[in-house]
Amino acid sequence: GKSTLLKILSSVLKPTTGNATIKGKLV
């Protein structure tokens, strides 16, 4: 899931559940 995690952080993919924030911005 390494590439999948990076794709979520770059907003290419959406996670099934949960969220990620970078510097306070929801991605």
mmCIF file of all heavy atoms, coordinates in Angstrom:
data_MODEL
# 
_entry.id   MODEL 
# 
loop_
_atom_site.group_PDB 
_atom_site.id 
_atom_site.type_symbol 
_atom_site.label_atom_id 
_atom_site.label_alt_id 
_atom_site.label_comp_id 
_atom_site.label_asym_id 
_atom_site.label_entity_id 
_atom_site.label_seq_id 
_atom_site.pdbx_PDB_ins_code 
_atom_site.Cartn_x 
_atom_site.Cartn_y 
_atom_site.Cartn_z 
_atom_site.occupancy 
_atom_site.B_iso_or_equiv 
_atom_site.pdbx_formal_charge 
_atom_site.auth_seq_id 
_atom_site.auth_comp_id 
_atom_site.auth_asym_id 
_atom_site.auth_atom_id 
_atom_site.pdbx_PDB_model_num 
ATOM 1   N N   . GLY A 1 1  ? 0.780   -1.230 0.000  1.00 0.00 ? 1  GLY A N   1 
ATOM 2   C CA  . GLY A 1 1  ? 0.000   0.000  0.000  1.00 0.00 ? 1  GLY A CA  1 
ATOM 3   C C   . GLY A 1 1  ? 0.814   1.283  0.000  1.00 0.00 ? 1  GLY A C   1 
ATOM 4   O O   . GLY A 1 1  ? 0.264   2.361  0.212  1.00 0.00 ? 1  GLY A O   1 
ATOM 5   N N   . LYS A 1 2  ? 2.099   1.204  -0.248 1.00 0.00 ? 2  LYS A N   1 
ATOM 6   C CA  . LYS A 1 2  ? 2.948   2.408  -0.242 1.00 0.00 ? 2  LYS A CA  1 
ATOM 7   C C   . LYS A 1 2  ? 2.481   3.423  -1.290 1.00 0.00 ? 2  LYS A C   1 
ATOM 8   O O   . LYS A 1 2  ? 2.257   4.591  -0.970 1.00 0.00 ? 2  LYS A O   1 
ATOM 9   C CB  . LYS A 1 2  ? 4.407   2.027  -0.494 1.00 0.00 ? 2  LYS A CB  1 
ATOM 10  C CG  . LYS A 1 2  ? 5.000   1.043  0.497  1.00 0.00 ? 2  LYS A CG  1 
ATOM 11  C CD  . LYS A 1 2  ? 6.423   0.648  0.152  1.00 0.00 ? 2  LYS A CD  1 
ATOM 12  C CE  . LYS A 1 2  ? 6.565   -0.034 -1.183 1.00 0.00 ? 2  LYS A CE  1 
ATOM 13  N NZ  . LYS A 1 2  ? 6.048   -1.400 -1.273 1.00 0.00 ? 2  LYS A NZ  1 
ATOM 14  N N   . SER A 1 3  ? 2.340   2.974  -2.522 1.00 0.00 ? 3  SER A N   1 
ATOM 15  C CA  . SER A 1 3  ? 1.916   3.875  -3.601 1.00 0.00 ? 3  SER A CA  1 
ATOM 16  C C   . SER A 1 3  ? 0.487   4.356  -3.383 1.00 0.00 ? 3  SER A C   1 
ATOM 17  O O   . SER A 1 3  ? 0.166   5.511  -3.663 1.00 0.00 ? 3  SER A O   1 
ATOM 18  C CB  . SER A 1 3  ? 2.013   3.178  -4.957 1.00 0.00 ? 3  SER A CB  1 
ATOM 19  O OG  . SER A 1 3  ? 3.352   2.874  -5.252 1.00 0.00 ? 3  SER A OG  1 
ATOM 20  N N   . THR A 1 4  ? -0.351  3.496  -2.862 1.00 0.00 ? 4  THR A N   1 
ATOM 21  C CA  . THR A 1 4  ? -1.742  3.875  -2.580 1.00 0.00 ? 4  THR A CA  1 
ATOM 22  C C   . THR A 1 4  ? -1.792  4.990  -1.548 1.00 0.00 ? 4  THR A C   1 
ATOM 23  O O   . THR A 1 4  ? -2.544  5.962  -1.696 1.00 0.00 ? 4  THR A O   1 
ATOM 24  C CB  . THR A 1 4  ? -2.546  2.652  -2.097 1.00 0.00 ? 4  THR A CB  1 
ATOM 25  O OG1 . THR A 1 4  ? -2.509  1.650  -3.117 1.00 0.00 ? 4  THR A OG1 1 
ATOM 26  C CG2 . THR A 1 4  ? -3.984  3.019  -1.794 1.00 0.00 ? 4  THR A CG2 1 
ATOM 27  N N   . LEU A 1 5  ? -0.994  4.894  -0.499 1.00 0.00 ? 5  LEU A N   1 
ATOM 28  C CA  . LEU A 1 5  ? -0.942  5.951  0.512  1.00 0.00 ? 5  LEU A CA  1 
ATOM 29  C C   . LEU A 1 5  ? -0.496  7.268  -0.111 1.00 0.00 ? 5  LEU A C   1 
ATOM 30  O O   . LEU A 1 5  ? -1.088  8.321  0.150  1.00 0.00 ? 5  LEU A O   1 
ATOM 31  C CB  . LEU A 1 5  ? -0.010  5.552  1.653  1.00 0.00 ? 5  LEU A CB  1 
ATOM 32  C CG  . LEU A 1 5  ? 0.152   6.582  2.761  1.00 0.00 ? 5  LEU A CG  1 
ATOM 33  C CD1 . LEU A 1 5  ? -1.184  6.898  3.428  1.00 0.00 ? 5  LEU A CD1 1 
ATOM 34  C CD2 . LEU A 1 5  ? 1.160   6.099  3.793  1.00 0.00 ? 5  LEU A CD2 1 
ATOM 35  N N   . LEU A 1 6  ? 0.526   7.237  -0.954 1.00 0.00 ? 6  LEU A N   1 
ATOM 36  C CA  . LEU A 1 6  ? 0.992   8.458  -1.607 1.00 0.00 ? 6  LEU A CA  1 
ATOM 37  C C   . LEU A 1 6  ? -0.068  9.036  -2.551 1.00 0.00 ? 6  LEU A C   1 
ATOM 38  O O   . LEU A 1 6  ? -0.213  10.255 -2.655 1.00 0.00 ? 6  LEU A O   1 
ATOM 39  C CB  . LEU A 1 6  ? 2.300   8.199  -2.351 1.00 0.00 ? 6  LEU A CB  1 
ATOM 40  C CG  . LEU A 1 6  ? 3.495   7.860  -1.459 1.00 0.00 ? 6  LEU A CG  1 
ATOM 41  C CD1 . LEU A 1 6  ? 4.701   7.485  -2.301 1.00 0.00 ? 6  LEU A CD1 1 
ATOM 42  C CD2 . LEU A 1 6  ? 3.815   8.995  -0.518 1.00 0.00 ? 6  LEU A CD2 1 
ATOM 43  N N   . LYS A 1 7  ? -0.826  8.180  -3.217 1.00 0.00 ? 7  LYS A N   1 
ATOM 44  C CA  . LYS A 1 7  ? -1.903  8.655  -4.090 1.00 0.00 ? 7  LYS A CA  1 
ATOM 45  C C   . LYS A 1 7  ? -3.015  9.310  -3.279 1.00 0.00 ? 7  LYS A C   1 
ATOM 46  O O   . LYS A 1 7  ? -3.610  10.297 -3.715 1.00 0.00 ? 7  LYS A O   1 
ATOM 47  C CB  . LYS A 1 7  ? -2.463  7.505  -4.920 1.00 0.00 ? 7  LYS A CB  1 
ATOM 48  C CG  . LYS A 1 7  ? -1.518  7.051  -6.013 1.00 0.00 ? 7  LYS A CG  1 
ATOM 49  C CD  . LYS A 1 7  ? -2.059  5.853  -6.762 1.00 0.00 ? 7  LYS A CD  1 
ATOM 50  C CE  . LYS A 1 7  ? -1.051  5.359  -7.776 1.00 0.00 ? 7  LYS A CE  1 
ATOM 51  N NZ  . LYS A 1 7  ? -1.516  4.146  -8.468 1.00 0.00 ? 7  LYS A NZ  1 
ATOM 52  N N   . ILE A 1 8  ? -3.289  8.804  -2.091 1.00 0.00 ? 8  ILE A N   1 
ATOM 53  C CA  . ILE A 1 8  ? -4.286  9.440  -1.216 1.00 0.00 ? 8  ILE A CA  1 
ATOM 54  C C   . ILE A 1 8  ? -3.786  10.809 -0.780 1.00 0.00 ? 8  ILE A C   1 
ATOM 55  O O   . ILE A 1 8  ? -4.529  11.794 -0.805 1.00 0.00 ? 8  ILE A O   1 
ATOM 56  C CB  . ILE A 1 8  ? -4.599  8.539  -0.007 1.00 0.00 ? 8  ILE A CB  1 
ATOM 57  C CG1 . ILE A 1 8  ? -5.388  7.315  -0.469 1.00 0.00 ? 8  ILE A CG1 1 
ATOM 58  C CG2 . ILE A 1 8  ? -5.373  9.307  1.061  1.00 0.00 ? 8  ILE A CG2 1 
ATOM 59  C CD1 . ILE A 1 8  ? -5.532  6.234  0.581  1.00 0.00 ? 8  ILE A CD1 1 
ATOM 60  N N   . LEU A 1 9  ? -2.518  10.897 -0.405 1.00 0.00 ? 9  LEU A N   1 
ATOM 61  C CA  . LEU A 1 9  ? -1.959  12.177 0.035  1.00 0.00 ? 9  LEU A CA  1 
ATOM 62  C C   . LEU A 1 9  ? -1.914  13.207 -1.072 1.00 0.00 ? 9  LEU A C   1 
ATOM 63  O O   . LEU A 1 9  ? -1.962  14.413 -0.811 1.00 0.00 ? 9  LEU A O   1 
ATOM 64  C CB  . LEU A 1 9  ? -0.559  11.966 0.623  1.00 0.00 ? 9  LEU A CB  1 
ATOM 65  C CG  . LEU A 1 9  ? -0.507  11.132 1.902  1.00 0.00 ? 9  LEU A CG  1 
ATOM 66  C CD1 . LEU A 1 9  ? 0.932   10.933 2.346  1.00 0.00 ? 9  LEU A CD1 1 
ATOM 67  C CD2 . LEU A 1 9  ? -1.334  11.763 2.999  1.00 0.00 ? 9  LEU A CD2 1 
ATOM 68  N N   . SER A 1 10 ? -1.843  12.759 -2.315 1.00 0.00 ? 10 SER A N   1 
ATOM 69  C CA  . SER A 1 10 ? -1.834  13.691 -3.444 1.00 0.00 ? 10 SER A CA  1 
ATOM 70  C C   . SER A 1 10 ? -3.222  13.864 -4.053 1.00 0.00 ? 10 SER A C   1 
ATOM 71  O O   . SER A 1 10 ? -3.366  14.460 -5.119 1.00 0.00 ? 10 SER A O   1 
ATOM 72  C CB  . SER A 1 10 ? -0.835  13.228 -4.505 1.00 0.00 ? 10 SER A CB  1 
ATOM 73  O OG  . SER A 1 10 ? -1.224  11.982 -5.030 1.00 0.00 ? 10 SER A OG  1 
ATOM 74  N N   . SER A 1 11 ? -4.252  13.336 -3.395 1.00 0.00 ? 11 SER A N   1 
ATOM 75  C CA  . SER A 1 11 ? -5.664  13.461 -3.807 1.00 0.00 ? 11 SER A CA  1 
ATOM 76  C C   . SER A 1 11 ? -5.990  12.767 -5.125 1.00 0.00 ? 11 SER A C   1 
ATOM 77  O O   . SER A 1 11 ? -6.973  13.105 -5.775 1.00 0.00 ? 11 SER A O   1 
ATOM 78  C CB  . SER A 1 11 ? -6.100  14.927 -3.867 1.00 0.00 ? 11 SER A CB  1 
ATOM 79  O OG  . SER A 1 11 ? -5.972  15.525 -2.602 1.00 0.00 ? 11 SER A OG  1 
ATOM 80  N N   . VAL A 1 12 ? -5.185  11.799 -5.524 1.00 0.00 ? 12 VAL A N   1 
ATOM 81  C CA  . VAL A 1 12 ? -5.479  11.018 -6.724 1.00 0.00 ? 12 VAL A CA  1 
ATOM 82  C C   . VAL A 1 12 ? -6.516  9.950  -6.396 1.00 0.00 ? 12 VAL A C   1 
ATOM 83  O O   . VAL A 1 12 ? -7.393  9.667  -7.208 1.00 0.00 ? 12 VAL A O   1 
ATOM 84  C CB  . VAL A 1 12 ? -4.186  10.380 -7.295 1.00 0.00 ? 12 VAL A CB  1 
ATOM 85  C CG1 . VAL A 1 12 ? -4.496  9.416  -8.421 1.00 0.00 ? 12 VAL A CG1 1 
ATOM 86  C CG2 . VAL A 1 12 ? -3.242  11.465 -7.761 1.00 0.00 ? 12 VAL A CG2 1 
ATOM 87  N N   . LEU A 1 13 ? -6.435  9.363  -5.203 1.00 0.00 ? 13 LEU A N   1 
ATOM 88  C CA  . LEU A 1 13 ? -7.392  8.364  -4.726 1.00 0.00 ? 13 LEU A CA  1 
ATOM 89  C C   . LEU A 1 13 ? -8.060  8.856  -3.455 1.00 0.00 ? 13 LEU A C   1 
ATOM 90  O O   . LEU A 1 13 ? -7.472  9.651  -2.710 1.00 0.00 ? 13 LEU A O   1 
ATOM 91  C CB  . LEU A 1 13 ? -6.683  7.043  -4.403 1.00 0.00 ? 13 LEU A CB  1 
ATOM 92  C CG  . LEU A 1 13 ? -6.209  6.177  -5.535 1.00 0.00 ? 13 LEU A CG  1 
ATOM 93  C CD1 . LEU A 1 13 ? -5.455  4.966  -4.980 1.00 0.00 ? 13 LEU A CD1 1 
ATOM 94  C CD2 . LEU A 1 13 ? -7.364  5.700  -6.387 1.00 0.00 ? 13 LEU A CD2 1 
ATOM 95  N N   . LYS A 1 14 ? -9.249  8.346  -3.197 1.00 0.00 ? 14 LYS A N   1 
ATOM 96  C CA  . LYS A 1 14 ? -9.935  8.637  -1.937 1.00 0.00 ? 14 LYS A CA  1 
ATOM 97  C C   . LYS A 1 14 ? -9.903  7.374  -1.081 1.00 0.00 ? 14 LYS A C   1 
ATOM 98  O O   . LYS A 1 14 ? -10.075 6.266  -1.601 1.00 0.00 ? 14 LYS A O   1 
ATOM 99  C CB  . LYS A 1 14 ? -11.376 9.054  -2.188 1.00 0.00 ? 14 LYS A CB  1 
ATOM 100 C CG  . LYS A 1 14 ? -11.483 10.392 -2.860 1.00 0.00 ? 14 LYS A CG  1 
ATOM 101 C CD  . LYS A 1 14 ? -12.902 10.914 -2.788 1.00 0.00 ? 14 LYS A CD  1 
ATOM 102 C CE  . LYS A 1 14 ? -12.934 12.288 -3.409 1.00 0.00 ? 14 LYS A CE  1 
ATOM 103 N NZ  . LYS A 1 14 ? -13.398 13.286 -2.498 1.00 0.00 ? 14 LYS A NZ  1 
ATOM 104 N N   . PRO A 1 15 ? -9.702  7.529  0.215  1.00 0.00 ? 15 PRO A N   1 
ATOM 105 C CA  . PRO A 1 15 ? -9.697  6.355  1.092  1.00 0.00 ? 15 PRO A CA  1 
ATOM 106 C C   . PRO A 1 15 ? -11.109 5.807  1.274  1.00 0.00 ? 15 PRO A C   1 
ATOM 107 O O   . PRO A 1 15 ? -12.102 6.518  1.068  1.00 0.00 ? 15 PRO A O   1 
ATOM 108 C CB  . PRO A 1 15 ? -9.143  6.900  2.403  1.00 0.00 ? 15 PRO A CB  1 
ATOM 109 C CG  . PRO A 1 15 ? -9.529  8.339  2.398  1.00 0.00 ? 15 PRO A CG  1 
ATOM 110 C CD  . PRO A 1 15 ? -9.464  8.762  0.957  1.00 0.00 ? 15 PRO A CD  1 
ATOM 111 N N   . THR A 1 16 ? -11.200 4.558  1.682  1.00 0.00 ? 16 THR A N   1 
ATOM 112 C CA  . THR A 1 16 ? -12.495 3.956  1.991  1.00 0.00 ? 16 THR A CA  1 
ATOM 113 C C   . THR A 1 16 ? -13.082 4.626  3.228  1.00 0.00 ? 16 THR A C   1 
ATOM 114 O O   . THR A 1 16 ? -14.257 4.987  3.243  1.00 0.00 ? 16 THR A O   1 
ATOM 115 C CB  . THR A 1 16 ? -12.338 2.441  2.221  1.00 0.00 ? 16 THR A CB  1 
ATOM 116 O OG1 . THR A 1 16 ? -11.709 1.869  1.071  1.00 0.00 ? 16 THR A OG1 1 
ATOM 117 C CG2 . THR A 1 16 ? -13.681 1.780  2.439  1.00 0.00 ? 16 THR A CG2 1 
ATOM 118 N N   . THR A 1 17 ? -12.265 4.794  4.267  1.00 0.00 ? 17 THR A N   1 
ATOM 119 C CA  . THR A 1 17 ? -12.676 5.507  5.487  1.00 0.00 ? 17 THR A CA  1 
ATOM 120 C C   . THR A 1 17 ? -11.492 6.305  6.005  1.00 0.00 ? 17 THR A C   1 
ATOM 121 O O   . THR A 1 17 ? -10.354 6.084  5.607  1.00 0.00 ? 17 THR A O   1 
ATOM 122 C CB  . THR A 1 17 ? -13.147 4.545  6.602  1.00 0.00 ? 17 THR A CB  1 
ATOM 123 O OG1 . THR A 1 17 ? -12.060 3.689  6.956  1.00 0.00 ? 17 THR A OG1 1 
ATOM 124 C CG2 . THR A 1 17 ? -14.338 3.715  6.175  1.00 0.00 ? 17 THR A CG2 1 
ATOM 125 N N   . GLY A 1 18 ? -11.757 7.216  6.920  1.00 0.00 ? 18 GLY A N   1 
ATOM 126 C CA  . GLY A 1 18 ? -10.720 8.016  7.554  1.00 0.00 ? 18 GLY A CA  1 
ATOM 127 C C   . GLY A 1 18 ? -10.390 9.266  6.772  1.00 0.00 ? 18 GLY A C   1 
ATOM 128 O O   . GLY A 1 18 ? -11.049 9.586  5.775  1.00 0.00 ? 18 GLY A O   1 
ATOM 129 N N   . ASN A 1 19 ? -9.390  9.989  7.260  1.00 0.00 ? 19 ASN A N   1 
ATOM 130 C CA  . ASN A 1 19 ? -8.994  11.209 6.576  1.00 0.00 ? 19 ASN A CA  1 
ATOM 131 C C   . ASN A 1 19 ? -7.524  11.510 6.770  1.00 0.00 ? 19 ASN A C   1 
ATOM 132 O O   . ASN A 1 19 ? -6.872  10.957 7.636  1.00 0.00 ? 19 ASN A O   1 
ATOM 133 C CB  . ASN A 1 19 ? -9.859  12.397 7.015  1.00 0.00 ? 19 ASN A CB  1 
ATOM 134 C CG  . ASN A 1 19 ? -9.779  12.654 8.488  1.00 0.00 ? 19 ASN A CG  1 
ATOM 135 O OD1 . ASN A 1 19 ? -8.712  12.804 9.047  1.00 0.00 ? 19 ASN A OD1 1 
ATOM 136 N ND2 . ASN A 1 19 ? -10.924 12.717 9.146  1.00 0.00 ? 19 ASN A ND2 1 
ATOM 137 N N   . ALA A 1 20 ? -7.043  12.389 5.930  1.00 0.00 ? 20 ALA A N   1 
ATOM 138 C CA  . ALA A 1 20 ? -5.660  12.854 5.977  1.00 0.00 ? 20 ALA A CA  1 
ATOM 139 C C   . ALA A 1 20 ? -5.668  14.365 5.887  1.00 0.00 ? 20 ALA A C   1 
ATOM 140 O O   . ALA A 1 20 ? -6.415  14.941 5.094  1.00 0.00 ? 20 ALA A O   1 
ATOM 141 C CB  . ALA A 1 20 ? -4.855  12.257 4.833  1.00 0.00 ? 20 ALA A CB  1 
ATOM 142 N N   . THR A 1 21 ? -4.865  15.010 6.704  1.00 0.00 ? 21 THR A N   1 
ATOM 143 C CA  . THR A 1 21 ? -4.712  16.465 6.634  1.00 0.00 ? 21 THR A CA  1 
ATOM 144 C C   . THR A 1 21 ? -3.232  16.799 6.503  1.00 0.00 ? 21 THR A C   1 
ATOM 145 O O   . THR A 1 21 ? -2.389  16.176 7.143  1.00 0.00 ? 21 THR A O   1 
ATOM 146 C CB  . THR A 1 21 ? -5.296  17.182 7.859  1.00 0.00 ? 21 THR A CB  1 
ATOM 147 O OG1 . THR A 1 21 ? -4.705  16.663 9.051  1.00 0.00 ? 21 THR A OG1 1 
ATOM 148 C CG2 . THR A 1 21 ? -6.793  17.023 7.948  1.00 0.00 ? 21 THR A CG2 1 
ATOM 149 N N   . ILE A 1 22 ? -2.956  17.767 5.645  1.00 0.00 ? 22 ILE A N   1 
ATOM 150 C CA  . ILE A 1 22 ? -1.599  18.274 5.478  1.00 0.00 ? 22 ILE A CA  1 
ATOM 151 C C   . ILE A 1 22 ? -1.640  19.757 5.793  1.00 0.00 ? 22 ILE A C   1 
ATOM 152 O O   . ILE A 1 22 ? -2.363  20.512 5.144  1.00 0.00 ? 22 ILE A O   1 
ATOM 153 C CB  . ILE A 1 22 ? -1.073  18.035 4.049  1.00 0.00 ? 22 ILE A CB  1 
ATOM 154 C CG1 . ILE A 1 22 ? -1.040  16.544 3.730  1.00 0.00 ? 22 ILE A CG1 1 
ATOM 155 C CG2 . ILE A 1 22 ? 0.297   18.660 3.884  1.00 0.00 ? 22 ILE A CG2 1 
ATOM 156 C CD1 . ILE A 1 22 ? -0.651  16.215 2.298  1.00 0.00 ? 22 ILE A CD1 1 
ATOM 157 N N   . LYS A 1 23 ? -0.887  20.150 6.812  1.00 0.00 ? 23 LYS A N   1 
ATOM 158 C CA  . LYS A 1 23 ? -0.864  21.545 7.275  1.00 0.00 ? 23 LYS A CA  1 
ATOM 159 C C   . LYS A 1 23 ? -2.262  22.087 7.483  1.00 0.00 ? 23 LYS A C   1 
ATOM 160 O O   . LYS A 1 23 ? -2.590  23.210 7.098  1.00 0.00 ? 23 LYS A O   1 
ATOM 161 C CB  . LYS A 1 23 ? -0.082  22.422 6.301  1.00 0.00 ? 23 LYS A CB  1 
ATOM 162 C CG  . LYS A 1 23 ? 1.379   22.091 6.223  1.00 0.00 ? 23 LYS A CG  1 
ATOM 163 C CD  . LYS A 1 23 ? 2.123   23.037 5.314  1.00 0.00 ? 23 LYS A CD  1 
ATOM 164 C CE  . LYS A 1 23 ? 3.584   22.658 5.247  1.00 0.00 ? 23 LYS A CE  1 
ATOM 165 N NZ  . LYS A 1 23 ? 4.339   23.530 4.359  1.00 0.00 ? 23 LYS A NZ  1 
ATOM 166 N N   . GLY A 1 24 ? -3.140  21.274 8.076  1.00 0.00 ? 24 GLY A N   1 
ATOM 167 C CA  . GLY A 1 24 ? -4.499  21.692 8.406  1.00 0.00 ? 24 GLY A CA  1 
ATOM 168 C C   . GLY A 1 24 ? -5.497  21.593 7.280  1.00 0.00 ? 24 GLY A C   1 
ATOM 169 O O   . GLY A 1 24 ? -6.676  21.828 7.465  1.00 0.00 ? 24 GLY A O   1 
ATOM 170 N N   . LYS A 1 25 ? -5.050  21.236 6.067  1.00 0.00 ? 25 LYS A N   1 
ATOM 171 C CA  . LYS A 1 25 ? -5.944  21.136 4.919  1.00 0.00 ? 25 LYS A CA  1 
ATOM 172 C C   . LYS A 1 25 ? -6.330  19.669 4.689  1.00 0.00 ? 25 LYS A C   1 
ATOM 173 O O   . LYS A 1 25 ? -5.463  18.812 4.527  1.00 0.00 ? 25 LYS A O   1 
ATOM 174 C CB  . LYS A 1 25 ? -5.262  21.691 3.663  1.00 0.00 ? 25 LYS A CB  1 
ATOM 175 C CG  . LYS A 1 25 ? -6.132  21.638 2.435  1.00 0.00 ? 25 LYS A CG  1 
ATOM 176 C CD  . LYS A 1 25 ? -5.399  22.164 1.221  1.00 0.00 ? 25 LYS A CD  1 
ATOM 177 C CE  . LYS A 1 25 ? -6.253  21.959 -0.012 1.00 0.00 ? 25 LYS A CE  1 
ATOM 178 N NZ  . LYS A 1 25 ? -5.507  22.197 -1.237 1.00 0.00 ? 25 LYS A NZ  1 
ATOM 179 N N   . LEU A 1 26 ? -7.619  19.381 4.682  1.00 0.00 ? 26 LEU A N   1 
ATOM 180 C CA  . LEU A 1 26 ? -8.124  18.042 4.467  1.00 0.00 ? 26 LEU A CA  1 
ATOM 181 C C   . LEU A 1 26 ? -7.869  17.618 3.035  1.00 0.00 ? 26 LEU A C   1 
ATOM 182 O O   . LEU A 1 26 ? -8.218  18.327 2.091  1.00 0.00 ? 26 LEU A O   1 
ATOM 183 C CB  . LEU A 1 26 ? -9.629  18.000 4.767  1.00 0.00 ? 26 LEU A CB  1 
ATOM 184 C CG  . LEU A 1 26 ? -10.288 16.638 4.795  1.00 0.00 ? 26 LEU A CG  1 
ATOM 185 C CD1 . LEU A 1 26 ? -9.740  15.796 5.936  1.00 0.00 ? 26 LEU A CD1 1 
ATOM 186 C CD2 . LEU A 1 26 ? -11.796 16.795 4.959  1.00 0.00 ? 26 LEU A CD2 1 
ATOM 187 N N   . VAL A 1 27 ? -7.226  16.456 2.842  1.00 0.00 ? 27 VAL A N   1 
ATOM 188 C CA  . VAL A 1 27 ? -6.939  15.995 1.483  1.00 0.00 ? 27 VAL A CA  1 
ATOM 189 C C   . VAL A 1 27 ? -7.804  14.812 1.089  1.00 0.00 ? 27 VAL A C   1 
ATOM 190 O O   . VAL A 1 27 ? -7.744  14.366 -0.044 1.00 0.00 ? 27 VAL A O   1 
ATOM 191 C CB  . VAL A 1 27 ? -5.437  15.626 1.300  1.00 0.00 ? 27 VAL A CB  1 
ATOM 192 C CG1 . VAL A 1 27 ? -4.580  16.847 1.393  1.00 0.00 ? 27 VAL A CG1 1 
ATOM 193 C CG2 . VAL A 1 27 ? -5.006  14.542 2.258  1.00 0.00 ? 27 VAL A CG2 1 
# 
